[in-house]
Protein backbone atom coordinates (compact mmCIF):
# COMPACT_ATOMS: atom_id res chain seq x y z
CA MET A 1 -128.01 198.20 12.70
CA ALA A 2 -127.60 194.52 12.28
CA HIS A 3 -127.98 191.78 14.82
CA TYR A 4 -125.25 189.42 16.05
CA LEU A 5 -124.88 186.61 18.39
CA TYR A 6 -121.89 185.36 20.14
CA ARG A 7 -121.38 182.41 22.02
CA ILE A 8 -119.55 182.08 25.27
CA GLN A 9 -118.28 178.91 26.61
CA PRO A 10 -116.67 178.25 30.08
CA THR A 11 -112.85 177.55 29.78
CA ARG A 12 -113.04 175.62 33.10
CA PRO A 13 -116.23 173.78 33.03
CA ALA A 14 -115.61 172.37 36.59
CA MET A 15 -116.62 175.89 37.74
CA LEU A 16 -120.25 175.10 36.87
CA LEU A 17 -120.10 172.16 39.50
CA GLU A 18 -117.40 172.98 42.07
CA GLY A 19 -117.80 176.76 42.18
CA SER A 20 -115.66 179.51 40.54
CA THR A 21 -112.43 180.74 42.09
CA PRO A 22 -112.22 184.41 43.28
CA GLU A 23 -110.44 185.28 40.01
CA GLU A 24 -113.27 183.84 38.13
CA ASP A 25 -115.91 185.55 40.41
CA ALA A 26 -114.32 189.02 39.68
CA ILE A 27 -114.32 188.28 35.94
CA ILE A 28 -117.93 187.04 36.06
CA GLY A 29 -118.77 190.16 37.83
CA GLN A 30 -117.34 192.50 35.16
CA HIS A 31 -118.98 190.49 32.58
CA PHE A 32 -122.41 190.88 33.93
CA ALA A 33 -121.69 194.58 34.65
CA TYR A 34 -120.60 194.97 30.96
CA LEU A 35 -123.75 193.17 29.77
CA GLN A 36 -125.99 195.09 32.00
CA GLY A 37 -124.74 198.33 30.74
CA LEU A 38 -125.08 197.33 27.20
CA THR A 39 -128.48 196.17 28.10
CA ALA A 40 -129.48 199.57 29.34
CA GLN A 41 -128.24 201.21 26.19
CA GLY A 42 -130.39 199.20 24.20
CA VAL A 43 -127.40 197.26 22.62
CA VAL A 44 -127.93 193.63 24.06
CA ILE A 45 -131.36 192.33 23.18
CA LEU A 46 -130.77 188.98 25.06
CA ALA A 47 -128.05 187.46 27.17
CA GLY A 48 -128.27 183.96 29.03
CA ARG A 49 -126.70 180.76 29.53
CA THR A 50 -127.88 177.04 29.36
CA LEU A 51 -128.86 175.43 32.67
CA ASN A 52 -126.86 172.22 32.28
CA THR A 53 -123.57 172.08 34.16
CA ASP A 54 -121.53 169.58 31.85
CA PRO A 55 -118.69 170.88 29.27
CA SER A 56 -121.32 171.47 26.68
CA SER A 57 -122.78 174.39 28.88
CA PHE A 58 -122.55 177.84 27.14
CA GLY A 59 -123.95 181.18 27.11
CA ILE A 60 -125.26 183.53 24.24
CA VAL A 61 -125.37 187.30 23.59
CA ILE A 62 -127.88 188.61 20.86
CA PHE A 63 -126.89 192.41 20.49
CA ARG A 64 -127.23 195.12 17.79
CA ALA A 65 -124.13 196.73 16.14
CA ALA A 66 -123.53 199.10 13.39
CA ASP A 67 -121.13 196.60 11.29
CA ASP A 68 -118.89 193.69 11.76
CA THR A 69 -116.20 195.86 13.05
CA ALA A 70 -118.41 197.38 15.77
CA ALA A 71 -119.66 193.62 16.55
CA HIS A 72 -116.22 192.48 17.01
CA ALA A 73 -115.30 195.22 19.23
CA LEU A 74 -118.20 194.65 21.52
CA MET A 75 -117.23 190.99 21.80
CA ASP A 76 -113.62 191.75 22.41
CA ASN A 77 -114.52 194.31 25.20
CA ASP A 78 -116.32 191.51 27.09
CA PRO A 79 -114.24 190.77 30.22
CA VAL A 80 -114.81 186.94 29.85
């Protein structure tokens, strides 16, 4: 198993200051559930985001995967 990292950046940075829309809330909830499931399986090692609320804010996920194909599949299946 290799370790991988992917970076997530909000497509609408204003949601960090003004709040998220109901649609964004639903997607974020799905994202958290997805990562929680992968964490419980021992796939995700660390997930989190920066504390700043400007356009430079981002999140990262560090995880294990068998190969590049599996890593891309994991990232592509993340609802965000």
